[in-house]
Protein backbone atom coordinates (compact mmCIF):
# COMPACT_ATOMS: atom_id res chain seq x y z
CA MET A 1 0.03 0.13 -0.12
CA ASP A 2 1.41 3.41 -0.92
CA ILE A 3 1.80 5.81 2.20
CA ARG A 4 1.86 8.61 0.50
CA LYS A 5 -1.45 8.08 -1.18
CA LYS A 6 -3.03 7.39 1.90
CA THR A 7 -1.69 10.29 4.17
CA GLN A 8 -3.05 12.54 1.08
CA ASN A 9 -5.92 11.13 1.24
CA GLN A 10 -6.30 11.32 4.99
CA PRO A 11 -8.33 14.41 6.08
CA LYS A 12 -6.85 17.10 7.36
CA ASN A 13 -8.40 19.35 10.37
CA ARG A 14 -8.42 23.17 9.76
CA GLU A 15 -5.67 24.39 11.74
CA THR A 16 -3.33 21.86 9.60
CA GLU A 17 -4.95 23.17 6.50
CA LYS A 18 -4.43 26.96 7.41
CA LYS A 19 -0.49 26.52 8.53
CA ILE A 20 -0.05 24.83 5.32
CA PHE A 21 -1.84 27.42 3.14
CA PHE A 22 0.22 30.33 4.78
CA ARG A 23 3.41 28.52 4.52
CA ASP A 24 2.91 28.00 0.51
CA ALA A 25 1.73 31.57 0.21
CA TYR A 26 4.63 32.75 2.37
CA PHE A 27 7.38 30.73 -0.21
CA TYR A 28 5.17 31.64 -3.28
CA GLY A 29 5.33 35.68 -2.30
CA ALA A 30 9.28 35.00 -1.64
CA SER A 31 9.94 33.31 -4.89
CA LYS A 32 7.81 35.58 -7.01
CA LYS A 33 9.81 38.92 -5.44
CA LYS A 34 13.06 37.02 -6.00
CA ILE A 35 12.06 36.48 -9.43
CA ARG A 36 10.74 40.22 -10.05
CA GLU A 37 14.31 41.26 -8.48
CA LYS A 38 15.86 38.98 -10.88
CA SER A 39 13.96 40.07 -13.67
CA LEU A 40 14.96 44.07 -12.33
CA LYS A 41 18.21 43.39 -12.24
CA LYS A 42 18.60 41.83 -15.52
CA PHE A 43 16.76 44.79 -17.26
CA PHE A 44 18.83 47.03 -15.69
CA GLY A 45 21.77 45.16 -16.62
CA ILE A 46 20.72 44.83 -20.38
CA PHE A 47 19.75 48.65 -20.06
CA PHE A 48 23.06 49.43 -18.70
CA LEU A 49 24.94 47.59 -21.19
CA CYS A 50 23.15 49.00 -24.15
CA LEU A 51 23.91 52.71 -23.10
CA PHE A 52 27.58 51.37 -22.53
CA LEU A 53 27.51 50.04 -25.96
CA ALA A 54 25.88 53.15 -27.75
CA GLY A 55 28.00 55.12 -25.86
CA LEU A 56 30.81 53.26 -27.17
CA ALA A 57 29.40 52.95 -30.73
CA THR A 58 28.99 56.89 -30.40
CA GLY A 59 32.56 57.18 -29.27
CA ILE A 60 34.13 54.96 -31.75
CA TYR A 61 31.98 56.54 -34.60
CA PHE A 62 32.86 60.30 -33.76
CA GLY A 63 36.36 58.84 -33.32
CA TRP A 64 36.09 57.69 -36.93
CA LYS A 65 34.24 60.52 -37.94
CA ILE A 66 37.04 63.19 -36.57
CA HIS A 67 39.72 61.12 -37.82
CA SER A 68 38.34 61.00 -41.42
CA VAL A 69 37.29 64.63 -41.29
CA SER A 70 40.82 65.54 -40.17
CA ARG A 71 42.48 63.53 -42.94
CA SER A 72 40.25 65.36 -45.36
CA ILE A 73 40.33 68.84 -44.24
CA THR A 74 44.40 68.97 -42.74
CA ILE A 75 46.80 69.49 -45.29
CA ARG A 76 50.35 68.43 -43.28
CA GLN A 77 53.56 69.80 -44.29
CA ASP A 78 55.00 67.10 -43.31
CA GLY A 79 53.34 64.89 -45.59
CA ASN A 80 52.38 62.26 -42.69
CA ASN A 81 48.72 61.29 -41.63
CA PRO A 82 48.16 59.69 -38.53
CA SER A 83 46.55 56.95 -38.05
CA LEU A 84 42.79 56.41 -36.53
CA ILE A 85 44.60 54.84 -33.54
CA GLN A 86 46.98 57.85 -33.14
CA ASP A 87 44.29 60.62 -33.54
CA MET A 88 42.15 59.06 -30.66
CA GLY A 89 45.12 58.44 -28.57
CA MET A 90 45.85 62.52 -29.48
CA LEU A 91 42.16 63.56 -28.91
CA VAL A 92 41.97 61.40 -25.26
CA SER A 93 45.08 62.96 -24.54
CA SER A 94 44.09 66.26 -24.81
CA MET A 95 40.85 66.02 -23.18
CA ILE A 96 42.46 64.48 -20.12
CA SER A 97 45.72 66.31 -19.73
CA LYS A 98 46.17 69.48 -17.83
CA ASP A 99 48.89 71.01 -20.04
CA ARG A 100 47.60 71.99 -23.56
CA LYS A 101 49.59 71.78 -26.63
CA LYS A 102 51.62 75.12 -27.29
CA LEU A 103 50.17 77.00 -30.61
CA PHE A 104 52.56 78.21 -33.00
CA GLY A 105 52.93 81.96 -31.99
CA GLU A 106 52.40 81.45 -28.74
CA ASN A 107 55.88 82.07 -27.74
CA GLU A 108 55.92 85.64 -29.33
CA SER A 109 52.53 86.16 -27.55
CA ARG A 110 50.42 86.39 -31.00
CA VAL A 111 48.67 83.50 -33.20
CA ASN A 112 47.92 84.69 -36.80
CA ILE A 113 45.36 82.67 -39.18
CA LEU A 114 44.89 83.33 -42.38
CA PHE A 115 40.94 83.04 -43.31
CA LEU A 116 40.17 82.48 -47.44
CA GLY A 117 36.46 82.49 -48.51
CA ALA A 118 36.40 80.80 -51.93
CA THR A 119 33.35 80.18 -54.27
CA GLY A 120 34.00 76.49 -54.33
CA LYS A 121 33.32 73.77 -57.07
CA GLY A 122 30.47 74.15 -59.59
CA ASN A 123 30.64 78.28 -59.06
CA PRO A 124 32.48 80.64 -61.50
CA GLY A 125 36.11 80.76 -60.76
CA GLN A 126 35.59 78.37 -58.29
CA ASN A 127 38.93 78.77 -56.20
CA LEU A 128 39.11 82.88 -56.27
CA THR A 129 39.48 83.71 -52.52
CA ASP A 130 36.92 87.26 -52.53
CA THR A 131 37.26 87.05 -48.55
CA ILE A 132 40.96 87.59 -47.59
CA MET A 133 41.05 87.95 -43.74
CA ILE A 134 43.82 87.74 -40.73
CA MET A 135 42.76 86.83 -37.38
CA SER A 136 45.14 87.13 -34.81
CA ILE A 137 45.11 86.34 -31.30
CA ASP A 138 47.05 88.36 -28.67
CA ILE A 139 47.93 85.95 -26.12
CA LYS A 140 49.21 88.20 -23.48
CA ASN A 141 46.22 90.59 -23.42
CA LYS A 142 43.61 88.04 -24.52
CA LYS A 143 42.31 90.20 -27.32
CA ILE A 144 41.34 89.33 -30.84
CA GLY A 145 41.88 91.26 -33.85
CA LEU A 146 40.57 91.17 -37.50
CA LEU A 147 42.33 92.68 -40.36
CA SER A 148 40.86 92.16 -43.93
CA LEU A 149 42.62 92.55 -47.44
CA PRO A 150 40.73 93.65 -50.48
CA ARG A 151 40.28 91.06 -53.27
CA ASP A 152 41.21 93.77 -55.86
CA LEU A 153 44.43 94.39 -54.37
CA TYR A 154 47.53 94.01 -56.92
CA THR A 155 50.49 92.38 -56.03
CA ASN A 156 53.36 89.83 -56.72
CA ILE A 157 52.88 86.15 -57.31
CA PRO A 158 56.39 85.22 -54.75
CA GLY A 159 59.45 83.63 -56.51
CA THR A 160 58.04 85.29 -60.10
CA ARG A 161 57.85 88.57 -62.35
CA TYR A 162 54.30 88.24 -62.42
CA PHE A 163 51.18 90.59 -60.84
CA THR A 164 47.86 89.75 -60.37
CA LYS A 165 44.92 90.52 -58.22
CA ILE A 166 45.35 88.92 -54.84
CA ASN A 167 42.38 86.90 -55.19
CA SER A 168 43.64 84.82 -57.89
CA ILE A 169 46.77 83.84 -55.96
CA TYR A 170 45.29 80.92 -53.99
CA GLN A 171 44.19 79.76 -57.60
CA TYR A 172 47.61 80.04 -58.74
CA GLY A 173 49.02 77.72 -56.10
CA ILE A 174 46.39 74.96 -56.77
CA THR A 175 47.07 75.41 -60.67
CA ASN A 176 50.82 75.34 -60.25
CA ASP A 177 50.91 72.47 -57.35
CA GLN A 178 51.95 74.73 -54.63
CA ALA A 179 48.57 74.77 -52.82
CA ILE A 180 48.37 77.43 -50.00
CA GLU A 181 52.21 78.63 -50.08
CA PRO A 182 52.07 81.54 -52.74
CA ILE A 183 48.77 83.26 -50.74
CA LYS A 184 50.23 82.61 -47.48
CA LYS A 185 54.03 84.14 -48.58
CA THR A 186 51.66 87.06 -50.41
CA VAL A 187 50.04 87.86 -46.99
CA GLU A 188 53.10 87.64 -45.33
CA ASN A 189 55.09 90.21 -47.55
CA ILE A 190 51.92 92.39 -47.39
CA THR A 191 51.62 92.58 -43.74
CA ASP A 192 54.89 91.50 -42.57
CA ILE A 193 53.67 89.34 -40.01
CA LYS A 194 54.41 85.51 -39.84
CA ILE A 195 50.84 83.24 -40.80
CA HIS A 196 50.71 80.39 -38.37
CA TYR A 197 47.59 78.57 -39.36
CA PHE A 198 45.20 78.93 -42.56
CA ILE A 199 41.51 78.05 -42.97
CA VAL A 200 39.86 77.78 -46.62
CA VAL A 201 36.26 77.52 -46.84
CA ASP A 202 33.74 77.37 -50.01
CA TYR A 203 30.26 79.28 -50.16
CA SER A 204 28.61 75.92 -49.71
CA GLY A 205 30.35 74.71 -46.36
CA PHE A 206 29.73 78.62 -45.29
CA LYS A 207 25.85 77.93 -45.81
CA LYS A 208 26.02 74.59 -44.26
CA ILE A 209 27.98 75.55 -41.27
CA ILE A 210 25.84 78.90 -40.77
CA ASP A 211 22.53 76.36 -40.95
CA ASN A 212 24.08 73.55 -38.81
CA ILE A 213 24.57 76.27 -35.92
CA GLY A 214 21.24 77.25 -36.13
CA GLY A 215 22.08 80.31 -37.77
CA VAL A 216 23.43 83.53 -36.55
CA ASN A 217 22.26 86.51 -34.65
CA VAL A 218 23.23 90.03 -36.81
CA MET A 219 22.59 93.79 -36.23
CA VAL A 220 21.98 94.94 -39.76
CA GLU A 221 22.86 98.82 -39.64
CA ARG A 222 20.73 99.91 -42.93
CA ASP A 223 17.93 98.75 -45.72
CA ILE A 224 19.90 96.60 -48.15
CA TYR A 225 18.32 96.20 -51.42
CA ASP A 226 20.28 94.77 -54.43
CA PRO A 227 18.64 94.11 -57.72
CA ARG A 228 21.71 92.95 -59.14
CA TYR A 229 22.88 90.22 -56.77
CA PRO A 230 24.66 87.20 -58.61
CA GLY A 231 22.50 84.19 -59.23
CA PRO A 232 22.89 80.96 -60.69
CA ASN A 233 24.33 80.76 -64.40
CA TYR A 234 25.41 84.13 -64.63
CA SER A 235 21.69 85.78 -63.84
CA TYR A 236 20.75 88.66 -61.37
CA GLU A 237 18.31 88.25 -58.64
CA THR A 238 17.16 90.78 -55.70
CA PHE A 239 18.25 90.33 -52.12
CA GLU A 240 16.86 92.59 -49.88
CA LEU A 241 17.30 93.13 -46.19
CA LYS A 242 15.85 95.62 -43.50
CA LYS A 243 17.71 97.41 -41.22
CA GLY A 244 17.87 95.96 -37.63
CA PHE A 245 18.12 92.70 -35.57
CA HIS A 246 17.91 89.27 -37.74
CA LEU A 247 18.77 85.50 -37.24
CA LEU A 248 20.24 84.72 -40.83
CA ASP A 249 20.23 81.35 -42.08
CA GLY A 250 22.99 80.03 -44.29
CA ALA A 251 21.66 81.07 -47.91
CA THR A 252 20.87 84.78 -46.32
CA ALA A 253 24.09 85.34 -44.45
CA LEU A 254 25.94 84.25 -47.39
CA LYS A 255 24.06 86.73 -49.46
CA TYR A 256 24.70 89.22 -46.73
CA VAL A 257 28.47 89.04 -46.54
CA ARG A 258 28.63 89.00 -50.57
CA GLU A 259 26.61 91.97 -51.40
CA ARG A 260 28.25 95.17 -52.32
CA HIS A 261 26.11 96.91 -55.29
CA ASN A 262 24.12 98.49 -52.69
CA ASP A 263 26.72 99.39 -50.05
CA PRO A 264 28.05 102.97 -50.09
CA GLU A 265 31.77 101.67 -49.31
CA GLY A 266 31.54 98.78 -51.77
CA ASP A 267 33.81 96.09 -51.15
CA PHE A 268 35.24 97.70 -47.92
CA GLY A 269 31.84 97.50 -46.29
CA ARG A 270 31.78 93.91 -47.51
CA ALA A 271 34.32 93.45 -45.74
CA LYS A 272 33.25 94.46 -42.43
CA ARG A 273 29.98 92.83 -42.90
CA GLN A 274 32.28 89.46 -43.23
CA GLN A 275 34.03 90.52 -39.90
CA GLN A 276 30.68 90.35 -38.37
CA ILE A 277 29.44 87.42 -39.54
CA ILE A 278 32.78 85.57 -38.40
CA GLN A 279 32.31 87.45 -34.79
CA ALA A 280 28.93 86.02 -34.89
CA THR A 281 29.46 82.37 -36.00
CA LYS A 282 32.50 82.00 -33.26
CA ASN A 283 30.05 83.02 -30.60
CA ARG A 284 27.22 80.42 -31.70
CA MET A 285 30.18 77.67 -32.73
CA PHE A 286 31.54 77.62 -29.57
CA SER A 287 28.19 77.84 -27.68
CA LEU A 288 27.19 74.13 -25.10
CA LYS A 289 24.28 74.14 -27.94
CA THR A 290 26.96 73.43 -30.70
CA PHE A 291 29.68 71.27 -28.88
CA PHE A 292 27.14 69.10 -26.75
CA ASN A 293 24.45 68.33 -29.60
CA VAL A 294 25.61 64.85 -31.40
CA PHE A 295 23.10 65.51 -34.33
CA THR A 296 24.61 69.24 -34.87
CA LEU A 297 27.98 68.22 -34.39
CA ASN A 298 27.69 65.26 -36.81
CA ASN A 299 26.47 67.44 -39.34
CA LEU A 300 29.16 70.19 -38.65
CA LEU A 301 31.85 67.62 -38.90
CA THR A 302 30.16 66.14 -42.36
CA THR A 303 30.31 70.29 -43.88
CA LEU A 304 34.31 70.64 -42.48
CA GLY A 305 35.35 67.58 -44.71
CA ASP A 306 33.45 68.59 -47.66
CA SER A 307 34.23 72.31 -47.60
CA VAL A 308 37.04 73.00 -45.39
CA LYS A 309 40.71 73.00 -45.87
CA THR A 310 43.21 73.59 -42.86
CA ASP A 311 46.74 72.84 -41.51
CA ILE A 312 45.65 73.11 -37.88
CA ARG A 313 46.28 69.93 -36.50
CA LEU A 314 43.45 67.65 -34.29
CA GLU A 315 45.82 68.14 -31.04
CA GLU A 316 45.77 71.71 -31.72
CA ILE A 317 42.18 71.99 -31.76
CA GLU A 318 41.78 71.82 -27.80
CA SER A 319 44.12 74.57 -27.37
CA PHE A 320 41.95 77.09 -29.69
CA ILE A 321 38.76 76.11 -27.71
CA ALA A 322 40.67 76.75 -24.27
CA LEU A 323 42.05 80.16 -25.84
CA SER A 324 38.31 81.12 -27.02
CA LYS A 325 37.63 81.00 -23.57
CA GLU A 326 40.14 82.95 -22.16
CA VAL A 327 40.07 85.94 -24.77
CA ASP A 328 37.79 89.18 -24.51
CA THR A 329 35.44 87.97 -27.85
CA GLN A 330 33.03 90.46 -27.54
CA ASN A 331 35.27 93.36 -27.98
CA ILE A 332 36.74 92.31 -31.21
CA VAL A 333 39.08 94.72 -33.04
CA ASN A 334 38.28 95.21 -36.61
CA SER A 335 40.16 96.59 -39.37
CA VAL A 336 39.87 96.76 -43.11
CA VAL A 337 42.64 97.88 -45.66
CA ASP A 338 40.16 100.40 -48.33
CA ALA A 339 40.53 103.10 -50.53
CA TRP A 340 37.32 104.86 -50.22
CA LYS A 341 38.07 107.82 -47.43
CA LYS A 342 40.64 110.09 -47.14
CA ASP A 343 43.24 108.72 -44.97
CA SER A 344 42.65 105.08 -46.92
CA LEU A 345 45.95 103.09 -47.19
CA LEU A 346 45.18 101.95 -50.99
CA LYS A 347 44.06 103.73 -54.03
CA VAL A 348 42.36 102.91 -57.37
CA SER A 349 44.02 102.61 -60.52
CA HIS A 350 43.87 100.42 -63.68
CA ILE A 351 46.20 98.21 -65.84
CA ALA A 352 45.43 96.63 -69.30
CA THR A 353 44.76 93.02 -69.73
CA SER A 354 43.61 90.71 -72.69
CA GLN A 355 40.29 91.31 -71.55
CA GLY A 356 40.14 94.93 -71.73
CA GLN A 357 41.12 97.75 -68.82
CA ALA A 358 41.11 96.26 -65.23
CA PHE A 359 40.49 98.47 -62.25
CA ILE A 360 42.87 97.43 -59.53
CA LEU A 361 43.90 98.55 -55.93
CA ILE A 362 47.59 99.36 -55.07
CA PRO A 363 49.39 100.97 -51.96
CA ARG A 364 49.03 104.80 -51.69
CA VAL A 365 52.22 105.13 -50.89
CA GLY A 366 55.29 103.29 -52.57
CA ASN A 367 55.43 100.11 -50.73
CA TYR A 368 53.42 98.21 -47.99
CA SER A 369 54.64 100.02 -45.04
CA GLU A 370 51.19 101.63 -44.11
CA ILE A 371 49.24 98.04 -44.35
CA ARG A 372 52.56 96.63 -42.24
CA ASP A 373 52.34 99.51 -39.47
CA LEU A 374 48.66 98.64 -39.43
CA ALA A 375 49.05 94.84 -39.03
CA LYS A 376 51.80 95.38 -36.45
CA ASN A 377 50.01 97.54 -34.53
CA LEU A 378 46.35 96.08 -34.68
CA PHE A 379 46.01 95.78 -31.16
CA ASN A 380 47.63 99.22 -30.55
CA LEU A 381 45.97 101.47 -32.86
CA ASP A 382 46.96 104.68 -30.80
CA ALA A 383 50.60 104.15 -31.47
CA ILE A 384 49.65 105.06 -35.06
CA ARG A 385 47.71 107.99 -34.30
CA HIS A 386 50.26 109.07 -31.85
CA ARG A 387 52.95 109.32 -34.62
CA GLN A 388 50.18 111.23 -36.96
CA ALA A 389 49.76 113.68 -34.22
CA GLU A 390 53.71 114.42 -33.47
CA ILE A 391 54.07 114.78 -37.30
CA GLN A 392 51.52 117.74 -37.18
CA LYS A 393 53.49 119.16 -34.38
CA GLU A 394 56.56 119.28 -35.83
CA GLU A 395 54.94 121.21 -38.91
CA ALA A 396 58.47 120.46 -41.01
CA GLY A 397 59.38 122.38 -43.78
CA ILE A 398 59.46 120.09 -46.76
CA LEU A 399 61.22 120.77 -50.12
CA ILE A 400 61.21 118.62 -53.07
CA ILE A 401 63.75 118.71 -55.69
CA ASN A 402 62.74 116.54 -58.95
CA ARG A 403 66.06 114.27 -60.06
CA SER A 404 64.00 111.35 -61.28
CA GLY A 405 63.65 112.70 -65.30
CA ASP A 406 59.76 112.35 -64.59
CA ASN A 407 58.36 115.75 -64.76
CA ASN A 408 55.01 114.43 -63.37
CA LEU A 409 56.51 112.70 -60.20
CA THR A 410 57.00 116.12 -58.48
CA TYR A 411 52.99 116.70 -58.31
CA LYS A 412 52.38 113.14 -57.13
CA ILE A 413 54.69 113.59 -54.40
CA LYS A 414 53.58 116.80 -53.29
CA ARG A 415 49.65 115.65 -53.33
CA LEU A 416 50.80 112.48 -51.54
CA PHE A 417 52.46 114.56 -48.85
CA GLU A 418 49.89 117.15 -48.52
CA ASP A 419 46.45 115.06 -49.15
CA LYS A 420 47.56 111.61 -47.60
CA LEU A 421 50.23 112.29 -45.25
CA GLU A 422 48.91 115.61 -44.16
CA MET A 423 52.05 117.27 -44.21
CA LYS A 424 51.25 120.93 -44.40
CA ASN A 425 54.33 122.79 -45.41
CA VAL A 426 55.42 121.42 -48.72
CA ARG A 427 57.15 123.27 -51.59
CA ILE A 428 58.77 122.46 -55.12
CA GLY A 429 62.41 123.65 -55.75
CA TYR A 430 64.13 123.85 -58.80
CA ASP A 431 67.26 121.95 -59.34
CA THR A 432 69.83 124.12 -60.08
CA GLN A 433 72.24 121.25 -61.19
CA GLN A 434 70.00 119.36 -63.15
CA MET A 435 70.97 115.96 -62.40
CA ILE A 436 69.03 112.68 -62.74
CA GLN A 437 69.80 110.58 -59.98
CA GLU A 438 69.07 106.79 -59.64
CA LYS A 439 67.92 106.85 -56.00
CA SER A 440 65.73 108.98 -53.71
CA TYR A 441 67.41 110.66 -50.57
CA VAL A 442 66.25 112.74 -47.59
CA PHE A 443 68.30 115.31 -46.16
CA PRO A 444 67.60 116.41 -42.65
CA GLU A 445 68.45 120.08 -42.70
CA THR A 446 67.53 121.16 -38.96
CA SER A 447 68.76 120.67 -35.52
CA PRO A 448 66.93 119.14 -33.77
CA GLU A 449 65.74 117.23 -36.64
CA LYS A 450 62.19 116.45 -37.40
CA LEU A 451 62.65 112.91 -36.40
CA PHE A 452 58.62 111.79 -36.67
CA THR A 453 58.52 113.42 -40.40
CA LEU A 454 61.65 112.28 -41.51
CA ASP A 455 60.95 108.71 -40.04
CA GLU A 456 57.53 108.97 -42.19
CA ILE A 457 59.23 110.18 -45.35
CA LEU A 458 61.64 107.74 -45.12
CA LYS A 459 59.36 104.48 -45.08
CA LYS A 460 56.83 105.74 -47.04
CA LEU A 461 58.39 107.26 -49.96
CA PRO A 462 60.59 105.36 -49.92
CA ALA A 463 64.18 106.99 -49.60
CA SER A 464 67.45 106.71 -47.85
CA ILE A 465 69.38 109.40 -45.63
CA GLY A 466 71.34 111.42 -48.33
CA GLN A 467 75.19 111.04 -47.63
CA GLU A 468 76.69 112.82 -50.38
CA LYS A 469 76.85 116.53 -50.14
CA ASP A 470 77.75 117.31 -53.81
CA ILE A 471 74.41 116.03 -54.85
CA LEU A 472 72.37 118.20 -52.68
CA PRO A 473 71.23 121.68 -53.59
CA GLU A 474 71.80 124.81 -51.96
CA LYS A 475 70.68 125.03 -48.56
CA ILE A 476 67.20 127.19 -48.79
CA SER A 477 65.58 129.27 -45.76
CA ASP A 478 62.78 127.62 -43.63
CA THR A 479 63.38 124.18 -44.93
CA ASP A 480 63.56 121.44 -42.40
CA ILE A 481 63.98 118.58 -45.07
CA ILE A 482 65.03 118.36 -48.65
CA VAL A 483 63.91 115.04 -50.34
CA THR A 484 65.52 114.74 -53.90
CA LEU A 485 63.40 112.06 -55.92
CA GLY A 486 65.33 109.51 -58.07
CA SER A 487 64.19 107.54 -61.05
CA ASP A 488 63.60 104.54 -58.45
CA LEU A 489 60.40 105.84 -57.77
CA GLU A 490 59.29 106.25 -61.55
CA LYS A 491 57.86 102.93 -61.61
CA ILE A 492 56.51 102.76 -58.01
CA TYR A 493 54.46 105.83 -58.76
CA SER A 494 53.47 105.26 -62.50
CA PHE A 495 50.07 104.18 -62.01
CA GLU A 496 47.24 106.70 -62.76
CA GLU A 497 44.79 107.41 -59.74
CA ASP A 498 40.78 106.45 -60.39
CA SER A 499 37.91 106.80 -58.51
CA ILE A 500 36.38 104.68 -56.20
CA ASP A 501 33.26 104.68 -58.25
CA ASP A 502 34.99 102.81 -61.21
CA LEU A 503 36.63 100.42 -59.20
CA ASN A 504 32.61 99.43 -57.69
CA SER A 505 30.97 99.80 -61.41
CA SER A 506 33.84 97.36 -63.09
CA ALA A 507 33.64 94.76 -60.54
CA ASN A 508 32.32 91.55 -61.71
CA ASP A 509 31.37 88.99 -58.87
CA ASN A 510 31.48 86.40 -61.16
CA GLN A 511 34.72 87.26 -62.78
CA LYS A 512 37.07 84.19 -64.11
CA TYR A 513 40.69 83.60 -63.67
CA PHE A 514 42.10 86.96 -63.50
CA ASP A 515 44.75 87.91 -66.02
CA ILE A 516 48.43 87.42 -64.53
CA ILE A 517 50.38 90.65 -66.01
CA GLU A 518 54.44 90.13 -66.37
CA GLU A 519 56.34 93.03 -64.67
CA LYS A 520 57.68 95.14 -67.46
């Protein structure tokens, strides 16, 4: 007989049944609780594992993205491109290290970055750079300065006898397998400052960058109405923007920085608007919204890879970001080298090309000395104003003797001294010796010497201190400085001066590659 079966069939009293019920309920509840706890642990384990994997995948993706973009946009002078592992190592090292990488130029307390804006692929003159701007960072005083050079500035192509407009030199470098070097050397020669880094952005990338950061905030100073804004396929369209505060998208921001027909300052007004947009973009770019928004950052990296070229290395980006937090980004120094005011450093002239007469911009004096002064003193413009005030106080009497063989040169130099350099006591003398001399000289005639005026003439004419007394004309009363003009100035001042209206009316936004003119 089965004892278990017998036991099971035996009647149970009520107390026993109650104990069994509560016992089973207790073990059932405890078991269910354990199952629930295990399920929750499993769920959270899987959840955090997914988060970890997603974070790891995102990190790997952005690491690969940054590496790809870095290889795409960065032009390495040494020809070496780091691997993905090296790039990731540098990126992680820069994030965890307390010591950031020192940038070129920091030891001299000034970092200079050349910004170039090109039209880009698919557009007429795709490598013409209508935006040429130097951003300087004053490391010591934590300031930023922007200096714009006009696209029509006529200049020598480094290492050649040829001249062209400065906006064509980047194209020249690409055509001749020299890339950025010719335009970089040109800007260094004009400004006499070292260019440490460069960034080239095309118009398509410009629009995408602005859109990816949600637009830029701009205060438009006047109503803009331009019915001749260049459209696709050499057409025209109307661009209109009212005075006041605007949030500009990429397309509108591009029109804002390119429009010039309706600007009383022409190309120089456009340069000021370019600086304004650069400042607004920088403010937006370094905001938390951009750098902590995954989708914005991804789109931004994609845009950079397609439309930007630079020699800034991945390990240096963190240093630039750190610098941006230290410098005063609200009070940026803005300067434009222009030709439309009395005290402008350039003047309008023209040359003959295969396509007819072309208007150009050249220094109002015989060299780049004034532009170099501006570039050097970008963060201390009071130094230039102080020198001008001292020249006014000296009231030097200046006598011009023409020994160049070019009779017109006398009046050109007199006009330069009086109208541009604001030297009031300028006279023309007659050369009794009737000499022709090769070089130009300056002879200080009084003691103490008028040092500020003397230095200004030496640098800006340019000329040398005269030593040979036998070529000096007879001393004339009320004369502090005698200037003898030599034939070395003929070529420098051979360009005739035209009006700013000639320049603005002749310019063509869709111009083809500009003629390269051989020096005669």
